[in-house]
Structures are given as structure tokens and as C-alpha cells.
Amino acid sequence: MVKTCRDARGCELISVVAPNELLSSWQNIGRELAEVNPRWSLMLERPSSAAWISGQALQDANAGPLNDRLLAIGKAMKTDNRKIIAASFALRYAWSAAAVIAPLLIYQRLPNVSLQHSYFKFSEQNLFQQLAVNPDSLAGSTKHLRLNNDAMACLREQLINQASPLVDTLQQWSGFPKKSLWGQISSTWASLFITICDETPQTLDPKYCLDMFFDAAQLPMIMKPEIYPVTHQQTTRLYQRRSSCCL
């Protein structure tokens, strides 16, 4: 049984149990993206190995897997400064958004990656490797979404809703301001847009996509980086200047 609902922007989502054809289509998308970049691929399962951290565990920085990761980052960086450690983990976590951004930009599909149904894999060096979601809670559009303001609003809400609990717990654990944590995350999101647009066969204008994505008044969008083009020998590339953050 599939329940259809719409979010505040009118984007149609499928939740509860995905039908076989929907699950199969997402598996195909995952395989194709993995051939381009494994970090862009969304795994559809509930992993249980120690290499993975559940979204629920990312809401407690004082104990459990997240605390272990934070302490390991501090040890590797030879610092006990919690603000530096929190900023570092926020950057690592933010790379997981590639598995949400890439399906929208390339396939015009948007998965449901609510934190309670998500799992994050990190390497022994605590670098992000892959995002997984419980397939029973998979959600995606029933038809292709156009790359317009409404689609970007849906993407924006997915990413902000997932990251907000982590930002809250990192702020409480480290004392690092939320706006600075969001600055780290938003800058990474911008980098992902640019990279995905550059590495896909479709002709996508990353600046156009970024302008639509960051067109909102929420704090994560206010902390967006400054994007500017640089042209050399008839080739133009986008670069960014991060929003300032004080450690």
C-alpha cells in the first residue's frame, strides 16, 4: 500500500512502502550514480555494521557513535578544541547531500532522507563515504520534477530538515554558533552543486541552480557562500568564498 502526500510546496511524495517498480527505479539510479561517484549513490537498506551511524545517533554528541567520531577527529587533528572538531564533522557530514542533490539534477527525482530513516557511512579516517535510507520509508516523486524553484524548495527543505538536529547537537556540544555550522554545511552544498553539474553529461548551469536553491530566508541559506566565476582561456569555472565563521 502506498500513501501519497504533498509537502508545503506541492511536491508529490510517496511514503510508507514503496512499490516494487519504484524501489527498482531507485536501485537503478543508485547503480548508475555509483559508476560516476560512489558518494552520489543512495543505498537502499538498513546497514548495521560499526562503519555506519544512524540518523538517530547523530542527535546525541555526548555519547554513542557520534561522540566516538568527534573524539577520533580531535585525536587525528591533535586538538581538543570542540569548535574545530564540530566544524570538521559538519563539513564531513555535509558531503552526504550529494546522494540527494545528484538524483534531482540528473534524474529529476528526489528521495526522502529524513534523519530517522537515514544511515551514514564514514571511513576509518572519518571521511564521508555513503548515505543509506531504509527502503520501507523511501519517498520519491511519482513523475519527473522540473528543475525549477518548487523542486529546489523541496530539495532545500529535505536537506535542512535532515541537518537541523545535527546542527543543534553540535552547537550544544561545542559552543560553536549555529550560523557558523550552517556556513560550513551550506558551502559544501554549493560545492556539490558545482561538481555534479560539471561532471554530468547534461548541460546544467550550476549558477542558475545555486541561485534557485539558495533563494530563501532560512539561516542555512543566509550563510551561503559567495559564488563567483573565473574565466581562463575561454573556460569559465565557479569558485566560492565561504561565509566567515569565527572559531
Protein backbone atom coordinates (compact mmCIF):
# COMPACT_ATOMS: atom_id res chain seq x y z
CA MET A 1 0.00 0.00 0.00
CA VAL A 2 1.35 3.39 -0.95
CA LYS A 3 0.29 6.65 0.62
CA THR A 4 0.69 9.78 -1.47
CA CYS A 5 1.11 13.18 0.11
CA ARG A 6 2.31 16.62 -0.83
CA ASP A 7 4.62 18.89 1.05
CA ALA A 8 4.06 22.59 1.62
CA ARG A 9 5.39 23.39 -1.85
CA GLY A 10 3.12 20.87 -3.59
CA CYS A 11 5.87 18.36 -4.44
CA GLU A 12 4.30 14.93 -4.58
CA LEU A 13 5.98 12.36 -2.36
CA ILE A 14 5.45 8.64 -1.89
CA SER A 15 5.85 7.27 1.62
CA VAL A 16 5.20 4.18 3.75
CA VAL A 17 6.03 1.16 1.49
CA ALA A 18 7.41 1.85 -1.96
CA PRO A 19 6.04 -0.38 -4.75
CA ASN A 20 8.47 -2.75 -6.43
CA GLU A 21 8.78 -0.60 -9.54
CA LEU A 22 9.65 2.48 -7.50
CA LEU A 23 12.22 0.58 -5.46
CA SER A 24 13.70 -0.89 -8.63
CA SER A 25 13.96 2.52 -10.29
CA TRP A 26 15.86 3.91 -7.29
CA GLN A 27 18.17 0.89 -7.31
CA ASN A 28 18.94 1.56 -10.97
CA ILE A 29 19.61 5.22 -10.23
CA GLY A 30 21.92 4.20 -7.40
CA ARG A 31 23.92 1.84 -9.61
CA GLU A 32 24.31 4.42 -12.37
CA LEU A 33 25.41 7.14 -9.95
CA ALA A 34 27.87 4.79 -8.25
CA GLU A 35 29.67 4.38 -11.57
CA VAL A 36 30.22 8.14 -11.67
CA ASN A 37 30.95 8.70 -7.98
CA PRO A 38 30.13 6.21 -5.18
CA ARG A 39 29.33 9.08 -2.81
CA TRP A 40 26.48 10.16 -5.10
CA SER A 41 24.78 6.78 -4.81
CA LEU A 42 21.92 6.26 -2.33
CA MET A 43 21.97 2.80 -0.77
CA LEU A 44 18.56 1.30 -0.05
CA GLU A 45 18.96 -0.80 3.08
CA ARG A 46 19.31 -0.64 6.85
CA PRO A 47 23.05 -1.21 7.47
CA SER A 48 24.14 -2.40 10.87
CA SER A 49 27.94 -2.50 10.78
CA ALA A 50 30.03 -0.24 13.01
CA ALA A 51 31.12 1.77 9.97
CA TRP A 52 27.63 3.27 9.78
CA ILE A 53 25.95 5.81 12.06
CA SER A 54 22.17 6.01 12.17
CA GLY A 55 20.48 9.36 11.82
CA GLN A 56 19.07 8.90 15.31
CA ALA A 57 22.61 8.60 16.71
CA LEU A 58 23.58 11.90 15.07
CA GLN A 59 21.29 13.66 17.52
CA ASP A 60 23.48 12.91 20.57
CA ALA A 61 27.04 14.27 20.59
CA ASN A 62 27.67 13.44 24.24
CA ALA A 63 27.65 9.66 23.92
CA GLY A 64 27.49 6.86 21.38
CA PRO A 65 28.77 6.69 17.79
CA LEU A 66 28.73 10.43 17.14
CA ASN A 67 30.76 11.15 20.25
CA ASP A 68 33.22 8.43 19.23
CA ARG A 69 33.62 10.05 15.81
CA LEU A 70 34.12 13.51 17.28
CA LEU A 71 36.79 12.28 19.67
CA ALA A 72 38.53 10.41 16.85
CA ILE A 73 38.57 13.56 14.70
CA GLY A 74 40.06 15.53 17.59
CA LYS A 75 42.73 12.88 18.11
CA ALA A 76 43.63 12.83 14.41
CA MET A 77 43.80 16.64 14.31
CA LYS A 78 45.67 16.73 17.63
CA THR A 79 43.22 19.15 19.18
CA ASP A 80 40.67 19.14 21.97
CA ASN A 81 39.06 22.34 20.70
CA ARG A 82 35.44 21.30 20.34
CA LYS A 83 34.61 24.12 17.97
CA ILE A 84 37.25 22.97 15.49
CA ILE A 85 36.11 19.35 15.84
CA ALA A 86 32.43 20.25 15.36
CA ALA A 87 33.22 22.35 12.28
CA SER A 88 35.24 19.49 10.83
CA PHE A 89 32.47 16.95 11.34
CA ALA A 90 29.86 19.32 9.90
CA LEU A 91 31.90 19.52 6.69
CA ARG A 92 32.26 15.73 6.53
CA TYR A 93 28.57 15.17 7.14
CA ALA A 94 27.55 17.73 4.51
CA TRP A 95 29.11 15.66 1.71
CA SER A 96 26.25 13.18 2.20
CA ALA A 97 23.93 15.64 0.44
CA ALA A 98 25.40 14.54 -2.89
CA ALA A 99 23.16 11.45 -2.74
CA VAL A 100 20.15 13.79 -2.59
CA ILE A 101 21.28 16.54 -4.96
CA ALA A 102 22.54 14.28 -7.77
CA PRO A 103 19.26 12.37 -8.29
CA LEU A 104 17.39 15.66 -8.62
CA LEU A 105 19.85 17.32 -11.00
CA ILE A 106 20.39 14.24 -13.18
CA TYR A 107 17.13 12.25 -12.94
CA GLN A 108 14.70 14.89 -11.64
CA ARG A 109 13.91 12.59 -8.72
CA LEU A 110 14.02 13.47 -5.03
CA PRO A 111 14.34 10.83 -2.28
CA ASN A 112 13.04 11.19 1.25
CA VAL A 113 16.09 11.32 3.50
CA SER A 114 14.54 12.16 6.86
CA LEU A 115 17.11 11.73 9.60
CA GLN A 116 15.27 8.97 11.45
CA HIS A 117 15.43 6.73 8.37
CA SER A 118 18.98 7.61 7.23
CA TYR A 119 22.36 5.98 7.83
CA PHE A 120 25.78 7.48 7.20
CA LYS A 121 28.97 5.58 6.42
CA PHE A 122 32.36 7.04 7.32
CA SER A 123 35.84 5.70 6.64
CA GLU A 124 38.45 4.90 9.28
CA GLN A 125 39.75 8.42 8.65
CA ASN A 126 36.22 9.70 9.42
CA LEU A 127 35.60 10.84 5.84
CA PHE A 128 32.08 10.51 4.47
CA GLN A 129 31.59 7.52 2.14
CA GLN A 130 27.91 6.77 1.55
CA LEU A 131 24.33 7.54 2.55
CA ALA A 132 21.69 4.84 3.02
CA VAL A 133 17.98 5.00 3.73
CA ASN A 134 15.50 2.43 4.97
CA PRO A 135 13.73 1.32 1.76
CA ASP A 136 10.43 0.93 3.63
CA SER A 137 10.39 4.68 4.15
CA LEU A 138 11.65 5.58 0.70
CA ALA A 139 9.95 8.51 -0.92
CA GLY A 140 10.31 9.96 -4.36
CA SER A 141 8.33 11.86 -6.92
CA THR A 142 5.87 9.84 -8.95
CA LYS A 143 6.96 11.69 -12.06
CA HIS A 144 9.94 13.74 -13.08
CA LEU A 145 10.28 17.06 -11.32
CA ARG A 146 11.21 20.08 -13.35
CA LEU A 147 14.34 21.85 -12.23
CA ASN A 148 12.50 24.95 -11.10
CA ASN A 149 12.03 26.94 -7.91
CA ASP A 150 9.49 24.47 -6.50
CA ALA A 151 11.80 21.50 -7.00
CA MET A 152 14.69 23.38 -5.40
CA ALA A 153 12.45 24.34 -2.48
CA CYS A 154 11.65 20.66 -1.95
CA LEU A 155 15.36 19.81 -2.02
CA ARG A 156 16.15 22.67 0.33
CA GLU A 157 13.56 21.53 2.86
CA GLN A 158 14.81 17.93 2.73
CA LEU A 159 18.41 18.92 3.41
CA ILE A 160 17.65 21.50 6.09
CA ASN A 161 15.22 19.21 7.93
CA GLN A 162 17.79 16.42 7.95
CA ALA A 163 20.72 18.58 9.08
CA SER A 164 18.96 20.72 11.71
CA PRO A 165 19.05 18.17 14.59
CA LEU A 166 22.76 17.56 13.98
CA VAL A 167 23.49 21.29 13.95
CA ASP A 168 21.62 21.63 17.24
CA THR A 169 23.57 18.88 18.97
CA LEU A 170 26.94 20.04 17.62
CA GLN A 171 26.22 23.56 18.83
CA GLN A 172 25.28 22.31 22.29
CA TRP A 173 28.35 20.05 22.47
CA SER A 174 30.90 22.56 21.18
CA GLY A 175 29.52 26.04 21.70
CA PHE A 176 30.20 26.72 18.02
CA PRO A 177 27.48 29.13 16.75
CA LYS A 178 24.74 27.62 14.62
CA LYS A 179 25.27 30.17 11.89
CA SER A 180 28.91 29.12 11.62
CA LEU A 181 27.99 25.43 11.44
CA TRP A 182 25.43 26.22 8.77
CA GLY A 183 28.08 28.20 6.91
CA GLN A 184 30.26 25.09 6.75
CA ILE A 185 27.38 22.93 5.56
CA SER A 186 25.96 25.42 3.03
CA SER A 187 29.39 25.91 1.48
CA THR A 188 29.71 22.17 0.99
CA TRP A 189 26.26 22.01 -0.59
CA ALA A 190 27.34 24.72 -3.03
CA SER A 191 30.49 22.75 -3.90
CA LEU A 192 28.39 19.67 -4.59
CA PHE A 193 26.12 21.56 -6.99
CA ILE A 194 29.11 22.82 -8.93
CA THR A 195 30.83 19.41 -9.03
CA ILE A 196 27.71 17.46 -10.03
CA CYS A 197 26.82 19.94 -12.78
CA ASP A 198 30.38 19.83 -14.12
CA GLU A 199 30.63 16.03 -14.14
CA THR A 200 27.28 15.14 -15.72
CA PRO A 201 26.59 14.85 -19.47
CA GLN A 202 23.57 17.14 -19.28
CA THR A 203 24.05 20.83 -19.86
CA LEU A 204 23.30 22.25 -16.43
CA ASP A 205 24.10 25.77 -15.33
CA PRO A 206 25.37 25.44 -11.75
CA LYS A 207 24.98 29.17 -11.07
CA TYR A 208 21.33 29.04 -12.12
CA CYS A 209 20.71 26.00 -9.91
CA LEU A 210 22.51 27.59 -6.95
CA ASP A 211 20.55 30.82 -7.27
CA MET A 212 17.29 28.87 -7.09
CA PHE A 213 18.46 26.65 -4.24
CA PHE A 214 19.68 29.49 -2.02
CA ASP A 215 16.67 31.72 -2.73
CA ALA A 216 15.19 31.57 0.79
CA ALA A 217 15.38 33.39 4.09
CA GLN A 218 16.30 30.46 6.38
CA LEU A 219 19.59 30.72 8.27
CA PRO A 220 21.32 27.97 6.22
CA MET A 221 20.54 29.92 3.06
CA ILE A 222 21.62 33.24 4.54
CA MET A 223 25.00 31.63 5.32
CA LYS A 224 25.53 30.70 1.68
CA PRO A 225 28.97 31.28 0.20
CA GLU A 226 29.73 33.97 -2.34
CA ILE A 227 29.85 32.34 -5.78
CA TYR A 228 31.92 33.99 -8.50
CA PRO A 229 33.07 32.95 -11.98
CA VAL A 230 36.66 32.88 -13.21
CA THR A 231 37.34 32.63 -16.95
CA HIS A 232 40.65 31.39 -18.33
CA GLN A 233 41.31 30.52 -21.98
CA GLN A 234 37.58 30.58 -22.81
CA THR A 235 36.75 28.20 -19.95
CA THR A 236 34.68 29.54 -17.07
CA ARG A 237 34.58 27.85 -13.68
CA LEU A 238 32.75 28.77 -10.50
CA TYR A 239 34.54 29.33 -7.22
CA GLN A 240 33.29 30.26 -3.80
CA ARG A 241 34.23 32.35 -0.82
CA ARG A 242 32.80 30.86 2.36
CA SER A 243 30.80 32.89 4.79
CA SER A 244 33.03 33.94 7.67
CA CYS A 245 32.95 31.78 10.76
CA CYS A 246 34.75 32.57 13.98
CA LEU A 247 36.33 29.69 15.91
